[in-house]
Amino acid sequence: MKMNVPMIIWLVLAILSTGYGFMVKAVGSGTGFYKIWLAMAVLFVLFAVASGFGVWGKLPGVLQKVILGFVAVCLVVFVGVEACIASQFHANGGKDLDYLIVLGAQIYDSGPSTVLKFRLDKTVDYMEDHPDTICIVSGGQGYNEPYTEAEGMAAYLGAHGVGKDWILLEDKATNTVQNIQYSMKLMEDTDAPVGIVTNNFHVFRGTHIAKKQGLTNAYGIAADATPAYLPNNMFREFFGVVKDVLQQNM
C-alpha cells in the first residue's frame, strides 16, 4: 500500500467525521443519527485503503463511468434539496397570523432542549408583537421524555409572559405530519393564516407538510439553531425531506 495525497485526504475526513459524530452524540438529542457520521468515517477509511492500493485505476472504464455518474446524480439531488432547505432560513411568517403552530422537540427534566428553546423564544417574540394570535404547542411524550413536549412548551411560554388563555396544547403528535394533523383539529378555521414555528433547517419541510395537509395559508417562521450542529441538522433534514416526498407528505 502506497501513501498518496488522496489517501491522506480520506483519512483526514475519517478523523473529522469521527470527532463530529461523537460531538453530536454528546448532545444527547434522543436520536441515533450521530451514527451516520461514524459510518461515513468507516467509508472514508475504506476509500483511503482503496486509494493506497490503487484500486480505482484497476477498475474497468465502464464501471468507473457508472460509479461517477451515480455519484454525480446523488450530488445534484443532495445540493438541490439542501438549497431548498436553506431558502427558508430567514422566513418570518409575516404579520396578522391567526394561529401559530409550534413544532415540538426534545424535553428534559430541566425543561426544553436548546433546539426547542430557540423555537419557543421565537414564539415569545412573535406573541409580544401580536398578542391576539392563538398559539398551538404541539408534541407528545417520547420514551425518553419526562412529560409531553406540549406541557413543557406551554410552561416555558407561560413563564415568559404568554397568557395561558392564548395557548392550546396538542399533546399526542410524535412527528411533523402528526403535529400538523392534530393541531388542525384545534383550529376553528383551517383556512386562516397560520405560522409554522420551527428551527431554520426544518422550516422548508414543516411548511410544505402543512400545505399538503390542507393549511393553504401556512407560513414558515424560522427560529435559530446552534451553528456547531447545523451540519448534522442539515444532513439529517435531507433524509427527512426525501422520506416525506416519497411518502407523499409534502
C-alpha atoms as a PDB file:
ATOM      1  CA  MET A   1       0.000   0.000   0.000  1.00  0.00           C
ATOM      2  CA  LYS A   2       1.407   3.367  -1.071  1.00  0.00           C
ATOM      3  CA  MET A   3       0.704   6.612   0.781  1.00  0.00           C
ATOM      4  CA  ASN A   4      -0.589   9.345  -1.539  1.00  0.00           C
ATOM      5  CA  VAL A   5      -2.464  12.665  -1.363  1.00  0.00           C
ATOM      6  CA  PRO A   6      -5.969  11.219  -1.912  1.00  0.00           C
ATOM      7  CA  MET A   7      -5.324   8.664   0.819  1.00  0.00           C
ATOM      8  CA  ILE A   8      -4.301  11.393   3.268  1.00  0.00           C
ATOM      9  CA  ILE A   9      -7.433  13.406   2.404  1.00  0.00           C
ATOM     10  CA  TRP A  10      -9.693  10.390   3.021  1.00  0.00           C
ATOM     11  CA  LEU A  11      -8.011   9.711   6.368  1.00  0.00           C
ATOM     12  CA  VAL A  12      -8.405  13.334   7.462  1.00  0.00           C
ATOM     13  CA  LEU A  13     -12.095  13.194   6.517  1.00  0.00           C
ATOM     14  CA  ALA A  14     -12.436   9.974   8.524  1.00  0.00           C
ATOM     15  CA  ILE A  15     -10.922  11.615  11.601  1.00  0.00           C
ATOM     16  CA  LEU A  16     -13.101  14.723  11.268  1.00  0.00           C
ATOM     17  CA  SER A  17     -16.242  12.652  10.730  1.00  0.00           C
ATOM     18  CA  THR A  18     -15.495  10.506  13.775  1.00  0.00           C
ATOM     19  CA  GLY A  19     -14.898  13.524  16.005  1.00  0.00           C
ATOM     20  CA  TYR A  20     -18.038  15.278  14.809  1.00  0.00           C
ATOM     21  CA  GLY A  21     -20.112  12.136  15.294  1.00  0.00           C
ATOM     22  CA  PHE A  22     -19.080  11.836  18.931  1.00  0.00           C
ATOM     23  CA  MET A  23     -19.659  15.549  19.437  1.00  0.00           C
ATOM     24  CA  VAL A  24     -23.232  15.151  18.166  1.00  0.00           C
ATOM     25  CA  LYS A  25     -23.701  12.070  20.363  1.00  0.00           C
ATOM     26  CA  ALA A  26     -22.640  14.058  23.423  1.00  0.00           C
ATOM     27  CA  VAL A  27     -25.591  16.419  22.934  1.00  0.00           C
ATOM     28  CA  GLY A  28     -27.955  13.583  23.857  1.00  0.00           C
ATOM     29  CA  SER A  29     -30.662  14.672  21.426  1.00  0.00           C
ATOM     30  CA  GLY A  30     -32.507  11.391  21.739  1.00  0.00           C
ATOM     31  CA  THR A  31     -31.756  10.221  18.192  1.00  0.00           C
ATOM     32  CA  GLY A  32     -29.148   7.871  16.816  1.00  0.00           C
ATOM     33  CA  PHE A  33     -28.351   9.966  13.755  1.00  0.00           C
ATOM     34  CA  TYR A  34     -24.814  10.574  15.033  1.00  0.00           C
ATOM     35  CA  LYS A  35     -24.088   7.016  13.866  1.00  0.00           C
ATOM     36  CA  ILE A  36     -24.199   8.106  10.254  1.00  0.00           C
ATOM     37  CA  TRP A  37     -21.082  10.213  10.847  1.00  0.00           C
ATOM     38  CA  LEU A  38     -19.311   7.162  12.263  1.00  0.00           C
ATOM     39  CA  ALA A  39     -20.473   5.089   9.295  1.00  0.00           C
ATOM     40  CA  MET A  40     -19.096   7.758   6.962  1.00  0.00           C
ATOM     41  CA  ALA A  41     -15.781   7.621   8.834  1.00  0.00           C
ATOM     42  CA  VAL A  42     -15.582   3.872   8.147  1.00  0.00           C
ATOM     43  CA  LEU A  43     -16.390   4.537   4.488  1.00  0.00           C
ATOM     44  CA  PHE A  44     -13.643   7.163   4.293  1.00  0.00           C
ATOM     45  CA  VAL A  45     -11.147   4.689   5.762  1.00  0.00           C
ATOM     46  CA  LEU A  46     -12.132   2.135   3.123  1.00  0.00           C
ATOM     47  CA  PHE A  47     -11.638   4.776   0.433  1.00  0.00           C
ATOM     48  CA  ALA A  48      -8.216   5.562   1.897  1.00  0.00           C
ATOM     49  CA  VAL A  49      -7.185   1.918   1.810  1.00  0.00           C
ATOM     50  CA  ALA A  50      -8.515   1.541  -1.738  1.00  0.00           C
ATOM     51  CA  SER A  51      -6.572   4.640  -2.760  1.00  0.00           C
ATOM     52  CA  GLY A  52      -3.402   3.265  -1.187  1.00  0.00           C
ATOM     53  CA  PHE A  53      -3.706   0.065  -3.208  1.00  0.00           C
ATOM     54  CA  GLY A  54      -4.670   1.902  -6.399  1.00  0.00           C
ATOM     55  CA  VAL A  55      -7.990   0.086  -6.671  1.00  0.00           C
ATOM     56  CA  TRP A  56      -9.678   2.828  -8.707  1.00  0.00           C
ATOM     57  CA  GLY A  57      -7.173   2.597 -11.545  1.00  0.00           C
ATOM     58  CA  LYS A  58      -7.723  -1.160 -11.782  1.00  0.00           C
ATOM     59  CA  LEU A  59     -11.467  -0.893 -12.335  1.00  0.00           C
ATOM     60  CA  PRO A  60     -12.869  -1.260 -15.890  1.00  0.00           C
ATOM     61  CA  GLY A  61     -13.525   2.066 -17.599  1.00  0.00           C
ATOM     62  CA  VAL A  62     -17.253   1.364 -17.947  1.00  0.00           C
ATOM     63  CA  LEU A  63     -17.575   0.683 -14.226  1.00  0.00           C
ATOM     64  CA  GLN A  64     -15.705   3.883 -13.431  1.00  0.00           C
ATOM     65  CA  LYS A  65     -18.187   5.860 -15.557  1.00  0.00           C
ATOM     66  CA  VAL A  66     -21.177   4.187 -13.908  1.00  0.00           C
ATOM     67  CA  ILE A  67     -19.826   4.973 -10.438  1.00  0.00           C
ATOM     68  CA  LEU A  68     -19.024   8.579 -11.350  1.00  0.00           C
ATOM     69  CA  GLY A  69     -22.462   9.013 -12.930  1.00  0.00           C
ATOM     70  CA  PHE A  70     -24.200   7.661  -9.830  1.00  0.00           C
ATOM     71  CA  VAL A  71     -22.160   9.935  -7.569  1.00  0.00           C
ATOM     72  CA  ALA A  72     -22.927  12.933  -9.790  1.00  0.00           C
ATOM     73  CA  VAL A  73     -26.683  12.285  -9.651  1.00  0.00           C
ATOM     74  CA  CYS A  74     -26.571  11.890  -5.855  1.00  0.00           C
ATOM     75  CA  LEU A  75     -24.660  15.154  -5.501  1.00  0.00           C
ATOM     76  CA  VAL A  76     -27.137  17.045  -7.701  1.00  0.00           C
ATOM     77  CA  VAL A  77     -30.092  15.730  -5.670  1.00  0.00           C
ATOM     78  CA  PHE A  78     -28.333  16.476  -2.378  1.00  0.00           C
ATOM     79  CA  VAL A  79     -27.346  20.025  -3.335  1.00  0.00           C
ATOM     80  CA  GLY A  80     -30.828  20.718  -4.723  1.00  0.00           C
ATOM     81  CA  VAL A  81     -32.580  19.580  -1.544  1.00  0.00           C
ATOM     82  CA  GLU A  82     -30.143  21.438   0.680  1.00  0.00           C
ATOM     83  CA  ALA A  83     -30.701  24.603  -1.362  1.00  0.00           C
ATOM     84  CA  CYS A  84     -34.460  24.282  -0.826  1.00  0.00           C
ATOM     85  CA  ILE A  85     -33.905  23.841   2.915  1.00  0.00           C
ATOM     86  CA  ALA A  86     -31.581  26.850   3.090  1.00  0.00           C
ATOM     87  CA  SER A  87     -34.040  29.021   1.141  1.00  0.00           C
ATOM     88  CA  GLN A  88     -36.315  29.191   4.200  1.00  0.00           C
ATOM     89  CA  PHE A  89     -33.648  30.074   6.764  1.00  0.00           C
ATOM     90  CA  HIS A  90     -34.971  33.615   7.168  1.00  0.00           C
ATOM     91  CA  ALA A  91     -38.719  33.018   6.859  1.00  0.00           C
ATOM     92  CA  ASN A  92     -40.581  35.423   9.155  1.00  0.00           C
ATOM     93  CA  GLY A  93     -44.219  34.422   8.645  1.00  0.00           C
ATOM     94  CA  GLY A  94     -45.469  37.939   8.091  1.00  0.00           C
ATOM     95  CA  LYS A  95     -47.966  39.876  10.192  1.00  0.00           C
ATOM     96  CA  ASP A  96     -51.530  39.255  11.328  1.00  0.00           C
ATOM     97  CA  LEU A  97     -51.412  35.493  11.664  1.00  0.00           C
ATOM     98  CA  ASP A  98     -54.425  33.994  13.415  1.00  0.00           C
ATOM     99  CA  TYR A  99     -52.528  30.971  14.676  1.00  0.00           C
ATOM    100  CA  LEU A 100     -49.049  29.756  15.430  1.00  0.00           C
ATOM    101  CA  ILE A 101     -48.224  26.058  15.451  1.00  0.00           C
ATOM    102  CA  VAL A 102     -45.027  25.486  17.403  1.00  0.00           C
ATOM    103  CA  LEU A 103     -43.487  22.144  16.495  1.00  0.00           C
ATOM    104  CA  GLY A 104     -42.191  20.151  19.441  1.00  0.00           C
ATOM    105  CA  ALA A 105     -38.705  18.803  20.117  1.00  0.00           C
ATOM    106  CA  GLN A 106     -36.779  17.131  22.939  1.00  0.00           C
ATOM    107  CA  ILE A 107     -37.848  17.878  26.518  1.00  0.00           C
ATOM    108  CA  TYR A 108     -35.684  17.132  29.572  1.00  0.00           C
ATOM    109  CA  ASP A 109     -36.397  17.105  33.294  1.00  0.00           C
ATOM    110  CA  SER A 110     -34.799  20.539  33.392  1.00  0.00           C
ATOM    111  CA  GLY A 111     -37.009  21.866  30.603  1.00  0.00           C
ATOM    112  CA  PRO A 112     -36.832  22.347  26.815  1.00  0.00           C
ATOM    113  CA  SER A 113     -33.744  21.314  24.881  1.00  0.00           C
ATOM    114  CA  THR A 114     -31.663  24.008  23.202  1.00  0.00           C
ATOM    115  CA  VAL A 115     -33.319  23.291  19.857  1.00  0.00           C
ATOM    116  CA  LEU A 116     -36.774  23.707  21.372  1.00  0.00           C
ATOM    117  CA  LYS A 117     -35.803  26.847  23.298  1.00  0.00           C
ATOM    118  CA  PHE A 118     -34.932  28.520  20.019  1.00  0.00           C
ATOM    119  CA  ARG A 119     -38.452  27.762  18.756  1.00  0.00           C
ATOM    120  CA  LEU A 120     -40.103  28.932  21.956  1.00  0.00           C
ATOM    121  CA  ASP A 121     -38.088  32.140  22.176  1.00  0.00           C
ATOM    122  CA  LYS A 122     -39.081  32.930  18.597  1.00  0.00           C
ATOM    123  CA  THR A 123     -42.695  32.310  19.588  1.00  0.00           C
ATOM    124  CA  VAL A 124     -42.406  34.650  22.577  1.00  0.00           C
ATOM    125  CA  ASP A 125     -41.009  37.373  20.309  1.00  0.00           C
ATOM    126  CA  TYR A 126     -43.895  36.978  17.877  1.00  0.00           C
ATOM    127  CA  MET A 127     -46.534  36.887  20.604  1.00  0.00           C
ATOM    128  CA  GLU A 128     -45.174  40.077  22.149  1.00  0.00           C
ATOM    129  CA  ASP A 129     -45.827  41.886  18.856  1.00  0.00           C
ATOM    130  CA  HIS A 130     -49.073  40.027  18.079  1.00  0.00           C
ATOM    131  CA  PRO A 131     -50.710  39.235  21.447  1.00  0.00           C
ATOM    132  CA  ASP A 132     -54.043  38.163  19.928  1.00  0.00           C
ATOM    133  CA  THR A 133     -52.546  35.267  17.981  1.00  0.00           C
ATOM    134  CA  ILE A 134     -53.564  31.807  19.213  1.00  0.00           C
ATOM    135  CA  CYS A 135     -50.540  29.622  19.902  1.00  0.00           C
ATOM    136  CA  ILE A 136     -50.799  25.840  19.482  1.00  0.00           C
ATOM    137  CA  VAL A 137     -47.905  23.951  21.059  1.00  0.00           C
ATOM    138  CA  SER A 138     -47.627  20.504  19.512  1.00  0.00           C
ATOM    139  CA  GLY A 139     -45.746  17.458  20.762  1.00  0.00           C
ATOM    140  CA  GLY A 140     -46.395  14.207  22.584  1.00  0.00           C
ATOM    141  CA  GLN A 141     -44.212  12.357  25.064  1.00  0.00           C
ATOM    142  CA  GLY A 142     -41.234  10.363  23.807  1.00  0.00           C
ATOM    143  CA  TYR A 143     -39.864   7.289  25.551  1.00  0.00           C
ATOM    144  CA  ASN A 144     -37.011   9.376  26.969  1.00  0.00           C
ATOM    145  CA  GLU A 145     -39.048  12.422  27.983  1.00  0.00           C
ATOM    146  CA  PRO A 146     -40.456  13.098  31.486  1.00  0.00           C
ATOM    147  CA  TYR A 147     -43.719  14.613  30.192  1.00  0.00           C
ATOM    148  CA  THR A 148     -45.263  15.722  26.928  1.00  0.00           C
ATOM    149  CA  GLU A 149     -43.465  18.287  24.853  1.00  0.00           C
ATOM    150  CA  ALA A 150     -46.676  20.328  24.716  1.00  0.00           C
ATOM    151  CA  GLU A 151     -46.756  20.583  28.526  1.00  0.00           C
ATOM    152  CA  GLY A 152     -43.148  21.686  28.695  1.00  0.00           C
ATOM    153  CA  MET A 153     -43.632  24.194  25.897  1.00  0.00           C
ATOM    154  CA  ALA A 154     -46.742  25.702  27.474  1.00  0.00           C
ATOM    155  CA  ALA A 155     -44.956  26.037  30.825  1.00  0.00           C
ATOM    156  CA  TYR A 156     -41.986  27.775  29.187  1.00  0.00           C
ATOM    157  CA  LEU A 157     -44.199  30.185  27.266  1.00  0.00           C
ATOM    158  CA  GLY A 158     -46.226  30.942  30.385  1.00  0.00           C
ATOM    159  CA  ALA A 159     -43.051  31.696  32.328  1.00  0.00           C
ATOM    160  CA  HIS A 160     -42.026  34.120  29.590  1.00  0.00           C
ATOM    161  CA  GLY A 161     -45.190  36.174  29.573  1.00  0.00           C
ATOM    162  CA  VAL A 162     -47.530  34.405  27.158  1.00  0.00           C
ATOM    163  CA  GLY A 163     -51.006  34.222  28.687  1.00  0.00           C
ATOM    164  CA  LYS A 164     -52.402  30.715  29.147  1.00  0.00           C
ATOM    165  CA  ASP A 165     -55.681  31.741  27.510  1.00  0.00           C
ATOM    166  CA  TRP A 166     -53.786  32.091  24.227  1.00  0.00           C
ATOM    167  CA  ILE A 167     -52.081  28.685  24.396  1.00  0.00           C
ATOM    168  CA  LEU A 168     -53.656  25.463  23.131  1.00  0.00           C
ATOM    169  CA  LEU A 169     -51.988  22.109  23.841  1.00  0.00           C
ATOM    170  CA  GLU A 170     -51.727  19.319  21.292  1.00  0.00           C
ATOM    171  CA  ASP A 171     -50.054  16.509  23.242  1.00  0.00           C
ATOM    172  CA  LYS A 172     -50.266  13.412  21.021  1.00  0.00           C
ATOM    173  CA  ALA A 173     -48.075  14.050  17.968  1.00  0.00           C
ATOM    174  CA  THR A 174     -44.806  12.175  17.533  1.00  0.00           C
ATOM    175  CA  ASN A 175     -43.715  13.518  14.125  1.00  0.00           C
ATOM    176  CA  THR A 176     -44.157  16.578  11.933  1.00  0.00           C
ATOM    177  CA  VAL A 177     -47.088  15.192   9.943  1.00  0.00           C
ATOM    178  CA  GLN A 178     -48.970  14.453  13.170  1.00  0.00           C
ATOM    179  CA  ASN A 179     -48.013  17.875  14.555  1.00  0.00           C
ATOM    180  CA  ILE A 180     -49.946  19.442  11.716  1.00  0.00           C
ATOM    181  CA  GLN A 181     -52.829  16.965  11.540  1.00  0.00           C
ATOM    182  CA  TYR A 182     -53.600  17.051  15.255  1.00  0.00           C
ATOM    183  CA  SER A 183     -53.099  20.806  15.557  1.00  0.00           C
ATOM    184  CA  MET A 184     -55.613  21.407  12.777  1.00  0.00           C
ATOM    185  CA  LYS A 185     -58.284  19.798  14.969  1.00  0.00           C
ATOM    186  CA  LEU A 186     -57.793  22.631  17.455  1.00  0.00           C
ATOM    187  CA  MET A 187     -58.275  25.352  14.848  1.00  0.00           C
ATOM    188  CA  GLU A 188     -61.706  26.848  14.270  1.00  0.00           C
ATOM    189  CA  ASP A 189     -60.752  27.890  10.754  1.00  0.00           C
ATOM    190  CA  THR A 190     -58.125  25.901   8.842  1.00  0.00           C
ATOM    191  CA  ASP A 191     -58.191  28.495   6.053  1.00  0.00           C
ATOM    192  CA  ALA A 192     -56.897  31.136   8.458  1.00  0.00           C
ATOM    193  CA  PRO A 193     -53.278  32.318   8.135  1.00  0.00           C
ATOM    194  CA  VAL A 194     -51.028  30.227  10.363  1.00  0.00           C
ATOM    195  CA  GLY A 195     -47.332  30.396  11.177  1.00  0.00           C
ATOM    196  CA  ILE A 196     -45.302  27.191  11.486  1.00  0.00           C
ATOM    197  CA  VAL A 197     -42.637  27.881  14.095  1.00  0.00           C
ATOM    198  CA  THR A 198     -39.584  25.652  13.934  1.00  0.00           C
ATOM    199  CA  ASN A 199     -35.817  25.866  13.526  1.00  0.00           C
ATOM    200  CA  ASN A 200     -34.448  27.319  10.305  1.00  0.00           C
ATOM    201  CA  PHE A 201     -33.319  23.951   8.926  1.00  0.00           C
ATOM    202  CA  HIS A 202     -36.820  22.489   9.412  1.00  0.00           C
ATOM    203  CA  VAL A 203     -38.986  25.304   8.015  1.00  0.00           C
ATOM    204  CA  PHE A 204     -38.984  24.105   4.403  1.00  0.00           C
ATOM    205  CA  ARG A 205     -40.254  20.647   5.292  1.00  0.00           C
ATOM    206  CA  GLY A 206     -42.609  21.856   8.018  1.00  0.00           C
ATOM    207  CA  THR A 207     -44.425  24.389   5.834  1.00  0.00           C
ATOM    208  CA  HIS A 208     -44.703  22.058   2.849  1.00  0.00           C
ATOM    209  CA  ILE A 209     -46.156  19.324   5.049  1.00  0.00           C
ATOM    210  CA  ALA A 210     -48.634  21.844   6.464  1.00  0.00           C
ATOM    211  CA  LYS A 211     -49.788  22.881   2.996  1.00  0.00           C
ATOM    212  CA  LYS A 212     -50.063  19.260   1.892  1.00  0.00           C
ATOM    213  CA  GLN A 213     -52.317  18.605   4.905  1.00  0.00           C
ATOM    214  CA  GLY A 214     -54.629  21.443   3.903  1.00  0.00           C
ATOM    215  CA  LEU A 215     -53.242  24.553   5.599  1.00  0.00           C
ATOM    216  CA  THR A 216     -53.015  26.531   2.385  1.00  0.00           C
ATOM    217  CA  ASN A 217     -52.230  29.751   4.275  1.00  0.00           C
ATOM    218  CA  ALA A 218     -49.271  28.305   6.177  1.00  0.00           C
ATOM    219  CA  TYR A 219     -46.152  30.436   6.522  1.00  0.00           C
ATOM    220  CA  GLY A 220     -42.801  29.495   7.987  1.00  0.00           C
ATOM    221  CA  ILE A 221     -41.301  31.266  10.980  1.00  0.00           C
ATOM    222  CA  ALA A 222     -37.626  30.379  11.292  1.00  0.00           C
ATOM    223  CA  ALA A 223     -36.046  30.113  14.716  1.00  0.00           C
ATOM    224  CA  ASP A 224     -32.295  29.910  15.145  1.00  0.00           C
ATOM    225  CA  ALA A 225     -30.203  26.765  15.546  1.00  0.00           C
ATOM    226  CA  THR A 226     -26.839  26.091  17.172  1.00  0.00           C
ATOM    227  CA  PRO A 227     -24.234  26.694  14.418  1.00  0.00           C
ATOM    228  CA  ALA A 228     -21.942  23.863  15.527  1.00  0.00           C
ATOM    229  CA  TYR A 229     -24.679  21.285  14.990  1.00  0.00           C
ATOM    230  CA  LEU A 230     -26.109  22.779  11.816  1.00  0.00           C
ATOM    231  CA  PRO A 231     -24.210  20.360   9.509  1.00  0.00           C
ATOM    232  CA  ASN A 232     -25.788  17.437  11.368  1.00  0.00           C
ATOM    233  CA  ASN A 233     -29.218  19.046  11.286  1.00  0.00           C
ATOM    234  CA  MET A 234     -28.982  19.849   7.585  1.00  0.00           C
ATOM    235  CA  PHE A 235     -27.747  16.351   6.733  1.00  0.00           C
ATOM    236  CA  ARG A 236     -30.493  14.729   8.764  1.00  0.00           C
ATOM    237  CA  GLU A 237     -33.098  17.044   7.263  1.00  0.00           C
ATOM    238  CA  PHE A 238     -32.073  15.943   3.770  1.00  0.00           C
ATOM    239  CA  PHE A 239     -33.198  12.420   4.576  1.00  0.00           C
ATOM    240  CA  GLY A 240     -36.350  13.783   6.215  1.00  0.00           C
ATOM    241  CA  VAL A 241     -37.298  15.665   3.050  1.00  0.00           C
ATOM    242  CA  VAL A 242     -36.602  12.651   0.825  1.00  0.00           C
ATOM    243  CA  LYS A 243     -38.666  10.404   3.106  1.00  0.00           C
ATOM    244  CA  ASP A 244     -41.636  12.766   3.202  1.00  0.00           C
ATOM    245  CA  VAL A 245     -41.539  13.308  -0.558  1.00  0.00           C
ATOM    246  CA  LEU A 246     -41.543   9.553  -1.158  1.00  0.00           C
ATOM    247  CA  GLN A 247     -44.400   9.121   1.345  1.00  0.00           C
ATOM    248  CA  GLN A 248     -46.270  11.995  -0.343  1.00  0.00           C
ATOM    249  CA  ASN A 249     -46.381  14.017   2.878  1.00  0.00           C
ATOM    250  CA  MET A 250     -45.145  17.100   1.049  1.00  0.00           C
END
